[in-house]
Structure formats: C-alpha cells, structure tokens
Amino acid sequence: MSSDALPKTVVPSGITDEVELARAELRAALAAIEQKANFPARAAEATERTMTRARAFARREPGVAAAGAVAIAAAVGAAVWGLVTLLSKRG
C-alpha cells in the first residue's frame, strides 16, 4: 500500500530514519487536529450522511417517511405556536 492511499492521519510504516519518522508523526498529528477542529466540514459531512440515509429510507418506506415529515412539521408548528402564545401574554 503506497503512502498516497493512506489517510493523512496515519503514519506510513517502513520509515527507518528517526527524523523522517518524527516528521511523519507530526504531519499525522497536525492533520488529525485539523480534521477534529474543522467543525464546518464535519457538520457538512454529518448532514450529508443523514440526508443520504433519509433519502434511502424515504425510497424504501414512502408512507412512513411522509407521516414522519407531517409529525415533525406539526411538532415545529406547535412549538412556534406555544412560543408566540407565551411571548404575547408577557407583553
């Protein structure tokens, strides 16, 4: 397996030079920190995974997916209605 196929966060095996090994470990550590700290990219990836799963579920079970969408819309509507009612009574 070539080092091009490895993820950035993995130190390639077979490095015998101590300095080269230290550099590879540092590169891997910095890549891991960058990956962990990049919240927008992680959020986008998580959103994409969730949307892919939701679309697949909607293709398999369209009736259940539609019912779920209606239930979510009703819950959001009830929450907004409740919040508006609460705020209108305060003022």
Protein backbone atom coordinates (compact mmCIF):
# COMPACT_ATOMS: atom_id res chain seq x y z
CA MET A 1 0.00 0.00 0.00
CA SER A 2 1.51 3.34 -1.01
CA SER A 3 1.53 6.36 1.26
CA ASP A 4 -0.79 8.14 -1.21
CA ALA A 5 -3.57 5.68 -0.38
CA LEU A 6 -3.26 6.21 3.39
CA PRO A 7 -5.35 8.82 5.18
CA LYS A 8 -3.48 11.95 6.22
CA THR A 9 -3.82 10.99 9.89
CA VAL A 10 -1.91 7.70 9.53
CA VAL A 11 1.85 7.39 9.83
CA PRO A 12 3.19 5.22 6.99
CA SER A 13 5.00 2.07 8.09
CA GLY A 14 8.52 1.25 7.00
CA ILE A 15 10.13 4.59 7.84
CA THR A 16 13.54 3.82 9.34
CA ASP A 17 15.03 7.31 9.62
CA GLU A 18 14.17 8.79 13.04
CA VAL A 19 13.90 12.33 11.70
CA GLU A 20 11.63 11.27 8.84
CA LEU A 21 9.52 9.24 11.28
CA ALA A 22 9.19 12.25 13.62
CA ARG A 23 8.14 14.43 10.68
CA ALA A 24 5.58 11.86 9.55
CA GLU A 25 4.18 11.60 13.07
CA LEU A 26 3.97 15.39 13.33
CA ARG A 27 2.21 15.63 9.95
CA ALA A 28 -0.27 12.95 11.03
CA ALA A 29 -0.91 14.66 14.37
CA LEU A 30 -1.45 18.04 12.74
CA ALA A 31 -3.80 16.50 10.17
CA ALA A 32 -5.79 14.84 12.95
CA ILE A 33 -6.05 18.13 14.86
CA GLU A 34 -7.11 19.96 11.70
CA GLN A 35 -9.73 17.33 10.95
CA LYS A 36 -11.07 17.41 14.51
CA ALA A 37 -11.13 21.22 14.73
CA ASN A 38 -12.77 21.80 11.33
CA PHE A 39 -16.33 21.89 12.63
CA PRO A 40 -17.98 23.23 9.45
CA ALA A 41 -16.55 20.38 7.37
CA ARG A 42 -17.54 17.80 9.98
CA ALA A 43 -21.06 19.25 10.19
CA ALA A 44 -21.38 19.19 6.39
CA GLU A 45 -20.25 15.55 6.28
CA ALA A 46 -22.70 14.57 9.04
CA THR A 47 -25.53 16.39 7.28
CA GLU A 48 -24.72 14.66 4.01
CA ARG A 49 -24.68 11.23 5.71
CA THR A 50 -28.02 11.93 7.40
CA MET A 51 -29.62 13.17 4.19
CA THR A 52 -28.40 10.09 2.30
CA ARG A 53 -29.89 7.81 4.94
CA ALA A 54 -33.17 9.78 4.99
CA ARG A 55 -33.49 9.62 1.19
CA ALA A 56 -32.83 5.88 1.22
CA PHE A 57 -35.44 5.40 3.95
CA ALA A 58 -37.96 7.52 2.02
CA ARG A 59 -37.42 5.33 -1.06
CA ARG A 60 -37.93 2.15 0.98
CA GLU A 61 -40.83 3.39 3.14
CA PRO A 62 -42.50 6.40 1.48
CA GLY A 63 -45.64 6.27 3.64
CA VAL A 64 -43.75 6.16 6.90
CA ALA A 65 -41.42 8.93 5.71
CA ALA A 66 -44.37 11.15 4.77
CA ALA A 67 -46.01 10.51 8.14
CA GLY A 68 -42.75 11.38 9.86
CA ALA A 69 -42.47 14.62 7.91
CA VAL A 70 -46.02 15.56 8.87
CA ALA A 71 -45.31 14.76 12.53
CA ILE A 72 -42.15 16.88 12.51
CA ALA A 73 -43.99 19.77 10.84
CA ALA A 74 -46.78 19.52 13.43
CA ALA A 75 -44.27 19.49 16.29
CA VAL A 76 -42.45 22.54 14.92
CA GLY A 77 -45.76 24.33 14.37
CA ALA A 78 -46.90 23.54 17.91
CA ALA A 79 -43.59 24.75 19.34
CA VAL A 80 -43.78 28.03 17.41
CA TRP A 81 -47.42 28.50 18.39
CA GLY A 82 -46.58 27.86 22.04
CA LEU A 83 -43.66 30.27 21.97
CA VAL A 84 -45.71 33.01 20.31
CA THR A 85 -48.54 32.49 22.80
CA LEU A 86 -46.13 32.66 25.71
CA LEU A 87 -44.43 35.80 24.42
CA SER A 88 -47.72 37.55 23.60
CA LYS A 89 -49.02 37.04 27.16
CA ARG A 90 -45.87 38.54 28.66
CA GLY A 91 -46.07 41.83 26.76
